[in-house]
Amino acid sequence: MAQPRMLILGAPGAGKGTQSAKITDEFDIDHVTTGDALRANKEMDISEMDTEYDTPREYMDQGELVPDEVVNAIVDEALSQADGFVLDGYPRNLEQADELEDMTDLDLALYLDVSEEELVHRLTGRRLDPETGDIYHVEYNPPEDPEVEDRLEQREDDTEETVKERLRVFRENTEPVIDHYEDEGSLERVDGEQAPEDVWEDVKKTIENTD
């Protein structure tokens, strides 16, 4: 498939960012995330929506969640400008999945399947270098420099308690979305517990074999 229109699904820590970057390079398509789309359209005029603010930027400046209807409009705008795309981070619930069906026809929904035990292991093992902002992992990607290793910190959202709560929220909100695409026959599952290069080979093959 030359320029697929697809979305990638997976829990936090499943590797969506890594695989999305490879997909965009290989198939020459846009990587559309809600965060990037919001930042790119933060001055969008939403005054007709009868929302509290007239632009997404005002919500972001106040540290408030941008309403779903605004996110939907921004994602719609981003997808309308793309010949092909991998959509990452949307839809997060069934209501957004319904909205997405009105925006575009997807070629496939790709799900990176990783067990909760492995996700917890991946996320709780992440460490931040506060001086550079670089992310390491105590097992998979430790720093070579002992000085860097000594100053690494675990981020608050990577503690076991927080990780398990993030995964609970994912299961509650997004697993129905996975079931939705599976029921309609457009979901393709890839084993996300393999080595990243093996995951990529399966992802690439899955996309190429999609009619």
C-alpha atoms as a PDB file:
ATOM      1  CA  MET A   1       0.000   0.000   0.000  1.00  0.00           C
ATOM      2  CA  ALA A   2       1.592   3.240  -1.208  1.00  0.00           C
ATOM      3  CA  GLN A   3       0.253   5.836   1.251  1.00  0.00           C
ATOM      4  CA  PRO A   4      -1.949   4.171   3.859  1.00  0.00           C
ATOM      5  CA  ARG A   5      -4.510   6.024   5.938  1.00  0.00           C
ATOM      6  CA  MET A   6      -4.227   4.223   9.239  1.00  0.00           C
ATOM      7  CA  LEU A   7      -4.265   4.540  12.975  1.00  0.00           C
ATOM      8  CA  ILE A   8      -1.976   2.925  15.516  1.00  0.00           C
ATOM      9  CA  LEU A   9      -3.313   1.728  18.858  1.00  0.00           C
ATOM     10  CA  GLY A  10      -1.544   0.494  21.959  1.00  0.00           C
ATOM     11  CA  ALA A  11      -1.185   1.092  25.658  1.00  0.00           C
ATOM     12  CA  PRO A  12       1.392   3.496  27.118  1.00  0.00           C
ATOM     13  CA  GLY A  13       4.788   1.861  26.618  1.00  0.00           C
ATOM     14  CA  ALA A  14       3.686  -0.331  23.703  1.00  0.00           C
ATOM     15  CA  GLY A  15       6.050   1.405  21.272  1.00  0.00           C
ATOM     16  CA  LYS A  16       3.605   3.479  19.199  1.00  0.00           C
ATOM     17  CA  GLY A  17       6.028   6.393  18.841  1.00  0.00           C
ATOM     18  CA  THR A  18       8.922   4.203  17.699  1.00  0.00           C
ATOM     19  CA  GLN A  19       6.838   2.341  15.133  1.00  0.00           C
ATOM     20  CA  SER A  20       5.016   5.462  13.929  1.00  0.00           C
ATOM     21  CA  ALA A  21       8.339   7.115  13.107  1.00  0.00           C
ATOM     22  CA  LYS A  22       9.364   4.087  11.027  1.00  0.00           C
ATOM     23  CA  ILE A  23       5.987   3.990   9.282  1.00  0.00           C
ATOM     24  CA  THR A  24       6.131   7.670   8.293  1.00  0.00           C
ATOM     25  CA  ASP A  25       9.657   7.273   6.900  1.00  0.00           C
ATOM     26  CA  GLU A  26       8.948   4.057   5.015  1.00  0.00           C
ATOM     27  CA  PHE A  27       5.614   5.048   3.456  1.00  0.00           C
ATOM     28  CA  ASP A  28       6.144   8.830   3.193  1.00  0.00           C
ATOM     29  CA  ILE A  29       3.034   9.747   5.167  1.00  0.00           C
ATOM     30  CA  ASP A  30       2.226  12.179   7.981  1.00  0.00           C
ATOM     31  CA  HIS A  31       2.433  11.252  11.657  1.00  0.00           C
ATOM     32  CA  VAL A  32      -0.639  12.898  13.164  1.00  0.00           C
ATOM     33  CA  THR A  33      -0.830  13.078  16.952  1.00  0.00           C
ATOM     34  CA  THR A  34      -3.397  15.038  18.911  1.00  0.00           C
ATOM     35  CA  GLY A  35      -0.655  16.952  20.718  1.00  0.00           C
ATOM     36  CA  ASP A  36       1.105  18.006  17.515  1.00  0.00           C
ATOM     37  CA  ALA A  37      -2.199  18.810  15.817  1.00  0.00           C
ATOM     38  CA  LEU A  38      -3.256  20.990  18.752  1.00  0.00           C
ATOM     39  CA  ARG A  39       0.036  22.872  18.758  1.00  0.00           C
ATOM     40  CA  ALA A  40      -0.099  23.375  14.989  1.00  0.00           C
ATOM     41  CA  ASN A  41      -3.680  24.711  15.150  1.00  0.00           C
ATOM     42  CA  LYS A  42      -3.653  26.496  18.495  1.00  0.00           C
ATOM     43  CA  GLU A  43      -4.848  29.767  16.912  1.00  0.00           C
ATOM     44  CA  MET A  44      -7.748  28.064  15.104  1.00  0.00           C
ATOM     45  CA  ASP A  45     -10.967  30.082  15.365  1.00  0.00           C
ATOM     46  CA  ILE A  46     -13.467  27.973  17.318  1.00  0.00           C
ATOM     47  CA  SER A  47     -15.809  30.825  18.258  1.00  0.00           C
ATOM     48  CA  GLU A  48     -18.684  29.189  16.352  1.00  0.00           C
ATOM     49  CA  MET A  49     -18.567  26.160  18.674  1.00  0.00           C
ATOM     50  CA  ASP A  50     -20.007  28.015  21.653  1.00  0.00           C
ATOM     51  CA  THR A  51     -17.059  26.942  23.832  1.00  0.00           C
ATOM     52  CA  GLU A  52     -15.583  28.829  26.773  1.00  0.00           C
ATOM     53  CA  TYR A  53     -12.644  30.135  24.730  1.00  0.00           C
ATOM     54  CA  ASP A  54     -12.295  31.163  21.088  1.00  0.00           C
ATOM     55  CA  THR A  55      -9.009  29.360  20.341  1.00  0.00           C
ATOM     56  CA  PRO A  56      -7.392  26.103  21.526  1.00  0.00           C
ATOM     57  CA  ARG A  57      -4.395  28.146  22.720  1.00  0.00           C
ATOM     58  CA  GLU A  58      -6.485  29.708  25.486  1.00  0.00           C
ATOM     59  CA  TYR A  59      -7.331  26.273  26.891  1.00  0.00           C
ATOM     60  CA  MET A  60      -3.679  25.251  26.677  1.00  0.00           C
ATOM     61  CA  ASP A  61      -2.486  28.471  28.335  1.00  0.00           C
ATOM     62  CA  GLN A  62      -4.898  27.867  31.216  1.00  0.00           C
ATOM     63  CA  GLY A  63      -3.732  24.254  31.555  1.00  0.00           C
ATOM     64  CA  GLU A  64      -7.264  23.055  30.837  1.00  0.00           C
ATOM     65  CA  LEU A  65      -8.288  20.068  28.726  1.00  0.00           C
ATOM     66  CA  VAL A  66      -9.327  21.043  25.222  1.00  0.00           C
ATOM     67  CA  PRO A  67     -12.958  19.912  24.725  1.00  0.00           C
ATOM     68  CA  ASP A  68     -13.561  16.824  22.585  1.00  0.00           C
ATOM     69  CA  GLU A  69     -15.439  18.794  19.921  1.00  0.00           C
ATOM     70  CA  VAL A  70     -12.408  21.051  19.451  1.00  0.00           C
ATOM     71  CA  VAL A  71      -9.998  18.087  19.310  1.00  0.00           C
ATOM     72  CA  ASN A  72     -12.290  16.441  16.747  1.00  0.00           C
ATOM     73  CA  ALA A  73     -12.245  19.544  14.546  1.00  0.00           C
ATOM     74  CA  ILE A  74      -8.464  19.849  14.747  1.00  0.00           C
ATOM     75  CA  VAL A  75      -7.884  16.178  13.912  1.00  0.00           C
ATOM     76  CA  ASP A  76     -10.314  16.515  10.994  1.00  0.00           C
ATOM     77  CA  GLU A  77      -8.340  19.499   9.688  1.00  0.00           C
ATOM     78  CA  ALA A  78      -5.006  17.682  10.037  1.00  0.00           C
ATOM     79  CA  LEU A  79      -6.262  14.573   8.224  1.00  0.00           C
ATOM     80  CA  SER A  80      -7.822  16.602   5.406  1.00  0.00           C
ATOM     81  CA  GLN A  81      -4.373  17.977   4.566  1.00  0.00           C
ATOM     82  CA  ALA A  82      -2.651  14.564   4.475  1.00  0.00           C
ATOM     83  CA  ASP A  83      -2.444  12.229   1.478  1.00  0.00           C
ATOM     84  CA  GLY A  84      -1.630   9.405   3.878  1.00  0.00           C
ATOM     85  CA  PHE A  85      -1.200   9.297   7.638  1.00  0.00           C
ATOM     86  CA  VAL A  86      -0.630   7.279  10.756  1.00  0.00           C
ATOM     87  CA  LEU A  87      -2.930   8.626  13.465  1.00  0.00           C
ATOM     88  CA  ASP A  88      -1.515   8.243  16.973  1.00  0.00           C
ATOM     89  CA  GLY A  89      -3.387   9.054  20.207  1.00  0.00           C
ATOM     90  CA  TYR A  90      -6.847   9.357  18.644  1.00  0.00           C
ATOM     91  CA  PRO A  91      -9.502   8.030  18.975  1.00  0.00           C
ATOM     92  CA  ARG A  92      -9.319   7.509  22.733  1.00  0.00           C
ATOM     93  CA  ASN A  93     -12.960   6.494  23.170  1.00  0.00           C
ATOM     94  CA  LEU A  94     -15.920   5.203  21.168  1.00  0.00           C
ATOM     95  CA  GLU A  95     -17.375   8.681  20.701  1.00  0.00           C
ATOM     96  CA  GLN A  96     -14.167   9.806  18.990  1.00  0.00           C
ATOM     97  CA  ALA A  97     -14.123   6.605  16.919  1.00  0.00           C
ATOM     98  CA  ASP A  98     -17.590   7.521  15.624  1.00  0.00           C
ATOM     99  CA  GLU A  99     -16.362  11.030  14.789  1.00  0.00           C
ATOM    100  CA  LEU A 100     -13.355   9.603  12.946  1.00  0.00           C
ATOM    101  CA  GLU A 101     -15.614   7.542  10.678  1.00  0.00           C
ATOM    102  CA  ASP A 102     -17.183  10.806   9.467  1.00  0.00           C
ATOM    103  CA  MET A 103     -13.740  12.323   8.793  1.00  0.00           C
ATOM    104  CA  THR A 104     -12.026   9.644   6.713  1.00  0.00           C
ATOM    105  CA  ASP A 105     -11.994   6.066   5.475  1.00  0.00           C
ATOM    106  CA  LEU A 106      -9.261   4.097   7.226  1.00  0.00           C
ATOM    107  CA  ASP A 107      -7.262   1.411   5.468  1.00  0.00           C
ATOM    108  CA  LEU A 108      -6.440  -0.314   8.740  1.00  0.00           C
ATOM    109  CA  ALA A 109      -6.189   0.001  12.512  1.00  0.00           C
ATOM    110  CA  LEU A 110      -2.938  -1.449  13.822  1.00  0.00           C
ATOM    111  CA  TYR A 111      -2.763  -2.637  17.441  1.00  0.00           C
ATOM    112  CA  LEU A 112       0.563  -3.237  19.203  1.00  0.00           C
ATOM    113  CA  ASP A 113      -0.287  -6.060  21.603  1.00  0.00           C
ATOM    114  CA  VAL A 114       1.809  -6.019  24.804  1.00  0.00           C
ATOM    115  CA  SER A 115       0.957  -7.658  28.143  1.00  0.00           C
ATOM    116  CA  GLU A 116       0.379  -5.469  31.183  1.00  0.00           C
ATOM    117  CA  GLU A 117       3.311  -7.125  32.987  1.00  0.00           C
ATOM    118  CA  GLU A 118       5.687  -6.132  30.163  1.00  0.00           C
ATOM    119  CA  LEU A 119       4.240  -2.606  29.956  1.00  0.00           C
ATOM    120  CA  VAL A 120       4.807  -2.070  33.686  1.00  0.00           C
ATOM    121  CA  HIS A 121       8.363  -3.385  33.309  1.00  0.00           C
ATOM    122  CA  ARG A 122       9.080  -1.042  30.411  1.00  0.00           C
ATOM    123  CA  LEU A 123       7.594   2.076  31.959  1.00  0.00           C
ATOM    124  CA  THR A 124       8.875   1.696  35.516  1.00  0.00           C
ATOM    125  CA  GLY A 125      12.372   1.053  34.148  1.00  0.00           C
ATOM    126  CA  ARG A 126      12.544   4.359  32.297  1.00  0.00           C
ATOM    127  CA  ARG A 127      14.904   7.001  33.637  1.00  0.00           C
ATOM    128  CA  LEU A 128      15.365  10.684  32.784  1.00  0.00           C
ATOM    129  CA  ASP A 129      18.633  12.589  32.553  1.00  0.00           C
ATOM    130  CA  PRO A 130      17.568  15.939  34.097  1.00  0.00           C
ATOM    131  CA  GLU A 131      20.457  17.772  32.434  1.00  0.00           C
ATOM    132  CA  THR A 132      19.800  16.707  28.836  1.00  0.00           C
ATOM    133  CA  GLY A 133      16.212  15.469  28.868  1.00  0.00           C
ATOM    134  CA  ASP A 134      17.346  12.153  27.355  1.00  0.00           C
ATOM    135  CA  ILE A 135      15.375   9.030  28.287  1.00  0.00           C
ATOM    136  CA  TYR A 136      17.093   5.758  29.182  1.00  0.00           C
ATOM    137  CA  HIS A 137      15.979   2.373  30.485  1.00  0.00           C
ATOM    138  CA  VAL A 138      17.728   0.554  33.301  1.00  0.00           C
ATOM    139  CA  GLU A 139      17.698  -2.707  31.330  1.00  0.00           C
ATOM    140  CA  TYR A 140      17.061  -2.013  27.643  1.00  0.00           C
ATOM    141  CA  ASN A 141      18.976   1.233  27.173  1.00  0.00           C
ATOM    142  CA  PRO A 142      21.311   2.134  30.069  1.00  0.00           C
ATOM    143  CA  PRO A 143      23.746   5.036  29.589  1.00  0.00           C
ATOM    144  CA  GLU A 144      27.361   4.182  28.886  1.00  0.00           C
ATOM    145  CA  ASP A 145      28.679   7.096  30.956  1.00  0.00           C
ATOM    146  CA  PRO A 146      28.720   6.327  34.727  1.00  0.00           C
ATOM    147  CA  GLU A 147      28.262  10.035  35.496  1.00  0.00           C
ATOM    148  CA  VAL A 148      25.056  10.098  33.480  1.00  0.00           C
ATOM    149  CA  GLU A 149      23.875   6.923  35.197  1.00  0.00           C
ATOM    150  CA  ASP A 150      24.429   8.490  38.623  1.00  0.00           C
ATOM    151  CA  ARG A 151      22.189  11.474  37.900  1.00  0.00           C
ATOM    152  CA  LEU A 152      19.282   9.618  36.296  1.00  0.00           C
ATOM    153  CA  GLU A 153      15.868  10.109  37.842  1.00  0.00           C
ATOM    154  CA  GLN A 154      12.568   8.284  37.654  1.00  0.00           C
ATOM    155  CA  ARG A 155       9.762  10.558  36.530  1.00  0.00           C
ATOM    156  CA  GLU A 156       6.684  10.758  38.732  1.00  0.00           C
ATOM    157  CA  ASP A 157       4.469   9.314  36.009  1.00  0.00           C
ATOM    158  CA  ASP A 158       6.758   6.269  35.697  1.00  0.00           C
ATOM    159  CA  THR A 159       6.312   4.957  39.245  1.00  0.00           C
ATOM    160  CA  GLU A 160       4.550   1.595  39.491  1.00  0.00           C
ATOM    161  CA  GLU A 161       1.445   3.060  41.118  1.00  0.00           C
ATOM    162  CA  THR A 162       1.070   5.762  38.457  1.00  0.00           C
ATOM    163  CA  VAL A 163       1.819   3.373  35.596  1.00  0.00           C
ATOM    164  CA  LYS A 164      -0.855   0.924  36.743  1.00  0.00           C
ATOM    165  CA  GLU A 165      -3.371   3.764  36.972  1.00  0.00           C
ATOM    166  CA  ARG A 166      -2.490   4.925  33.435  1.00  0.00           C
ATOM    167  CA  LEU A 167      -2.999   1.378  32.178  1.00  0.00           C
ATOM    168  CA  ARG A 168      -6.326   1.120  34.009  1.00  0.00           C
ATOM    169  CA  VAL A 169      -7.518   4.310  32.308  1.00  0.00           C
ATOM    170  CA  PHE A 170      -6.340   2.957  28.950  1.00  0.00           C
ATOM    171  CA  ARG A 171      -8.241  -0.295  29.432  1.00  0.00           C
ATOM    172  CA  GLU A 172     -11.381   1.532  30.505  1.00  0.00           C
ATOM    173  CA  ASN A 173     -11.413   4.085  27.677  1.00  0.00           C
ATOM    174  CA  THR A 174      -9.524   2.631  24.743  1.00  0.00           C
ATOM    175  CA  GLU A 175     -10.042  -1.140  24.861  1.00  0.00           C
ATOM    176  CA  PRO A 176     -13.651  -0.645  23.667  1.00  0.00           C
ATOM    177  CA  VAL A 177     -12.135   1.181  20.659  1.00  0.00           C
ATOM    178  CA  ILE A 178      -9.929  -1.841  19.934  1.00  0.00           C
ATOM    179  CA  ASP A 179     -12.970  -4.122  20.171  1.00  0.00           C
ATOM    180  CA  HIS A 180     -14.860  -1.771  17.832  1.00  0.00           C
ATOM    181  CA  TYR A 181     -12.281  -2.032  15.045  1.00  0.00           C
ATOM    182  CA  GLU A 182     -11.903  -5.760  15.606  1.00  0.00           C
ATOM    183  CA  ASP A 183     -15.659  -6.258  15.282  1.00  0.00           C
ATOM    184  CA  GLU A 184     -15.729  -4.370  11.987  1.00  0.00           C
ATOM    185  CA  GLY A 185     -12.790  -6.382  10.649  1.00  0.00           C
ATOM    186  CA  SER A 186     -10.234  -3.590  10.181  1.00  0.00           C
ATOM    187  CA  LEU A 187      -8.001  -4.343  13.186  1.00  0.00           C
ATOM    188  CA  GLU A 188      -4.603  -5.971  12.686  1.00  0.00           C
ATOM    189  CA  ARG A 189      -2.713  -7.168  15.767  1.00  0.00           C
ATOM    190  CA  VAL A 190       1.087  -7.195  15.975  1.00  0.00           C
ATOM    191  CA  ASP A 191       3.048  -8.799  18.806  1.00  0.00           C
ATOM    192  CA  GLY A 192       4.643  -5.754  20.451  1.00  0.00           C
ATOM    193  CA  GLU A 193       6.749  -7.785  22.873  1.00  0.00           C
ATOM    194  CA  GLN A 194       9.317  -8.722  20.243  1.00  0.00           C
ATOM    195  CA  ALA A 195      12.547  -6.806  19.720  1.00  0.00           C
ATOM    196  CA  PRO A 196      11.758  -3.404  18.083  1.00  0.00           C
ATOM    197  CA  GLU A 197      13.270  -4.443  14.741  1.00  0.00           C
ATOM    198  CA  ASP A 198      11.114  -7.604  14.698  1.00  0.00           C
ATOM    199  CA  VAL A 199       8.017  -5.601  15.584  1.00  0.00           C
ATOM    200  CA  TRP A 200       8.840  -3.295  12.679  1.00  0.00           C
ATOM    201  CA  GLU A 201       9.165  -6.180  10.225  1.00  0.00           C
ATOM    202  CA  ASP A 202       5.701  -7.415  11.233  1.00  0.00           C
ATOM    203  CA  VAL A 203       4.238  -3.893  11.093  1.00  0.00           C
ATOM    204  CA  LYS A 204       5.689  -3.250   7.631  1.00  0.00           C
ATOM    205  CA  LYS A 205       4.469  -6.600   6.314  1.00  0.00           C
ATOM    206  CA  THR A 206       0.998  -6.012   7.743  1.00  0.00           C
ATOM    207  CA  ILE A 207       0.673  -2.620   6.059  1.00  0.00           C
ATOM    208  CA  GLU A 208       2.020  -3.877   2.729  1.00  0.00           C
ATOM    209  CA  ASN A 209      -0.438  -6.782   2.738  1.00  0.00           C
ATOM    210  CA  THR A 210      -3.488  -4.593   3.435  1.00  0.00           C
ATOM    211  CA  ASP A 211      -5.824  -4.344   0.449  1.00  0.00           C
END
